[in-house]
Structure formats: structure tokens, C-alpha cells
Amino acid sequence: MLQRTSYVTDLKVTTVSYSSVIQLGDSEIINGFSRAIAVQREEEVFYSDEGSFSAYPVFNKPIPFMPIREQLVQQTSHIFPVLKVKKIDILGISASSILHIGNSQNISLESRIKHIRQLRPR
């Protein structure tokens, strides 16, 4: 893994929610996973049997990962192995998101949301 030091003078994050992470320092593996059902209705009605993730195919479909078939050539030079940032100001981090200051080997993030809007008949 890349060896570099990260310096941040000022970090301000207002909100972190729903399977989100603030990672300060190096990490080998980061896995983030979040799923939600968001129902918006014109009338305030709640049915006790709703909210099952298995009822919606979006939560069960496999994510297609396309393999990289081309040859990649990379050459890096870190003359000064220090990353310096004066200020980071974030309003919100949500839904399986990550603020990471440091080095990572492997990162995998997944967020699935089913939005449902139920309107009254006109």
C-alpha cells in the first residue's frame, strides 16, 4: 500500500448518517452498505406489512461488474510523500458514503434505495 502521510488542519462535518463513515488514517479494506425504502404519501397512512426489502427486486439484483480488459500501465512518483489540506467543510455524509483521509487498499460501497410515491386519486 502507498506510504504517505496526510495532514488536515481543520475538519468540520455537520452530519454523518445511514451507514456512513469518517475514516482518519490508513485502511486496508472499506466496505459500505446501505439500503432504504422511501415512501412519500399525500395522506399520512402506515400499513404494518410494508417495508420488506425482499418484496422489491432492486434489493436482490446483482450489480454487474465489468471486468477491465485493457492493459493498465501506471507510473507514480511521490517526491514529497505528504498530503496537506488546510480545511475540509462538509454539510452531510449519508447513505453508505465515506470521508476517508489516508490510504486504502480496497474500497467497496453500495447503496440501494427504493423510492415510492403514492398520490391520492384525482
Protein backbone atom coordinates (compact mmCIF):
# COMPACT_ATOMS: atom_id res chain seq x y z
CA MET A 1 0.00 0.00 0.00
CA LEU A 2 1.12 3.54 -0.73
CA GLN A 3 3.01 5.09 2.16
CA ARG A 4 2.05 8.73 2.51
CA THR A 5 1.16 10.93 5.46
CA SER A 6 -2.00 13.06 5.42
CA TYR A 7 -2.31 16.31 7.38
CA VAL A 8 -5.60 18.15 7.72
CA THR A 9 -5.56 21.38 9.71
CA ASP A 10 -9.34 21.83 10.08
CA LEU A 11 -12.11 19.25 9.56
CA LYS A 12 -15.78 20.14 10.06
CA VAL A 13 -18.59 17.67 9.31
CA THR A 14 -22.12 18.65 10.32
CA THR A 15 -23.96 15.34 9.82
CA VAL A 16 -22.99 11.69 9.31
CA SER A 17 -25.81 9.16 8.88
CA TYR A 18 -27.04 5.85 7.42
CA SER A 19 -24.03 3.54 7.32
CA SER A 20 -21.57 6.35 6.59
CA VAL A 21 -18.04 6.60 7.94
CA ILE A 22 -15.38 9.18 8.68
CA GLN A 23 -12.06 7.34 8.42
CA LEU A 24 -8.94 9.12 9.59
CA GLY A 25 -5.81 7.17 8.82
CA ASP A 26 -4.91 4.29 6.55
CA SER A 27 -7.16 1.31 5.95
CA GLU A 28 -6.77 -1.93 4.09
CA ILE A 29 -10.43 -2.69 3.35
CA ILE A 30 -13.52 -0.45 3.45
CA ASN A 31 -16.97 -1.97 2.82
CA GLY A 32 -20.03 0.28 2.98
CA PHE A 33 -23.58 -0.98 2.55
CA SER A 34 -26.91 0.82 2.90
CA ARG A 35 -30.45 0.13 1.78
CA ALA A 36 -33.68 2.06 2.30
CA ILE A 37 -37.31 2.20 1.30
CA ALA A 38 -38.52 5.80 0.99
CA VAL A 39 -42.30 6.20 0.82
CA GLN A 40 -43.90 9.58 0.22
CA ARG A 41 -47.67 9.87 0.54
CA GLU A 42 -50.15 12.68 0.29
CA GLU A 43 -52.03 11.11 3.23
CA GLU A 44 -50.40 10.04 6.48
CA VAL A 45 -51.18 6.31 6.40
CA PHE A 46 -48.95 3.47 7.57
CA TYR A 47 -49.54 -0.17 6.73
CA SER A 48 -47.85 -2.56 9.15
CA ASP A 49 -46.82 -5.08 6.48
CA GLU A 50 -44.82 -2.68 4.29
CA GLY A 51 -41.10 -2.25 4.40
CA SER A 52 -39.88 -5.71 3.40
CA PHE A 53 -36.74 -5.45 1.27
CA SER A 54 -37.42 -8.87 -0.29
CA ALA A 55 -40.62 -7.51 -1.87
CA TYR A 56 -38.64 -5.25 -4.22
CA PRO A 57 -36.31 -6.69 -6.91
CA VAL A 58 -33.98 -3.66 -6.73
CA PHE A 59 -32.56 -5.04 -3.45
CA ASN A 60 -31.87 -8.52 -4.85
CA LYS A 61 -30.46 -7.85 -8.30
CA PRO A 62 -26.72 -8.47 -8.60
CA ILE A 63 -24.62 -5.48 -9.52
CA PRO A 64 -22.87 -6.09 -12.86
CA PHE A 65 -19.16 -5.51 -12.55
CA MET A 66 -17.50 -5.10 -15.90
CA PRO A 67 -14.01 -6.60 -15.92
CA ILE A 68 -11.14 -4.38 -17.03
CA ARG A 69 -9.83 -6.00 -20.20
CA GLU A 70 -7.23 -3.45 -21.22
CA GLN A 71 -3.65 -3.44 -20.02
CA LEU A 72 -3.07 -0.69 -17.47
CA VAL A 73 0.32 0.90 -17.08
CA GLN A 74 0.86 3.22 -14.14
CA GLN A 75 3.93 5.07 -13.03
CA THR A 76 3.85 7.32 -9.97
CA SER A 77 6.44 9.46 -8.30
CA HIS A 78 5.89 10.85 -4.82
CA ILE A 79 8.73 13.29 -4.37
CA PHE A 80 7.13 14.71 -1.22
CA PRO A 81 5.11 11.92 0.44
CA VAL A 82 2.89 14.25 2.48
CA LEU A 83 -0.64 15.28 1.56
CA LYS A 84 -1.54 18.62 3.19
CA VAL A 85 -5.06 20.04 3.29
CA LYS A 86 -5.90 23.27 5.08
CA LYS A 87 -9.66 22.90 5.56
CA ILE A 88 -12.44 20.41 4.83
CA ASP A 89 -16.01 21.60 5.46
CA ILE A 90 -18.82 19.10 4.76
CA LEU A 91 -22.53 19.63 5.34
CA GLY A 92 -23.56 15.95 5.25
CA ILE A 93 -22.37 12.41 4.57
CA SER A 94 -25.13 9.85 4.04
CA ALA A 95 -26.22 6.52 2.52
CA SER A 96 -23.10 4.38 2.67
CA SER A 97 -20.70 7.25 1.92
CA ILE A 98 -17.20 7.62 3.27
CA LEU A 99 -14.96 10.56 4.03
CA HIS A 100 -11.53 8.97 4.09
CA ILE A 101 -8.32 10.80 4.85
CA GLY A 102 -5.47 8.37 4.28
CA ASN A 103 -4.59 5.44 2.05
CA SER A 104 -6.82 2.48 1.14
CA GLN A 105 -6.13 -0.85 -0.48
CA ASN A 106 -9.70 -1.96 -1.39
CA ILE A 107 -12.95 0.02 -1.26
CA SER A 108 -16.45 -1.30 -1.99
CA LEU A 109 -19.57 0.85 -1.46
CA GLU A 110 -23.19 0.01 -2.21
CA SER A 111 -26.37 1.99 -1.63
CA ARG A 112 -29.79 0.85 -2.84
CA ILE A 113 -32.91 2.98 -2.35
CA LYS A 114 -36.46 2.25 -3.50
CA HIS A 115 -38.48 5.47 -3.83
CA ILE A 116 -42.28 5.11 -3.76
CA ARG A 117 -44.71 7.99 -4.26
CA GLN A 118 -48.36 7.37 -3.51
CA LEU A 119 -50.75 10.10 -4.61
CA ARG A 120 -54.45 10.38 -3.91
CA PRO A 121 -56.74 9.64 -6.87
CA ARG A 122 -57.77 12.86 -8.63
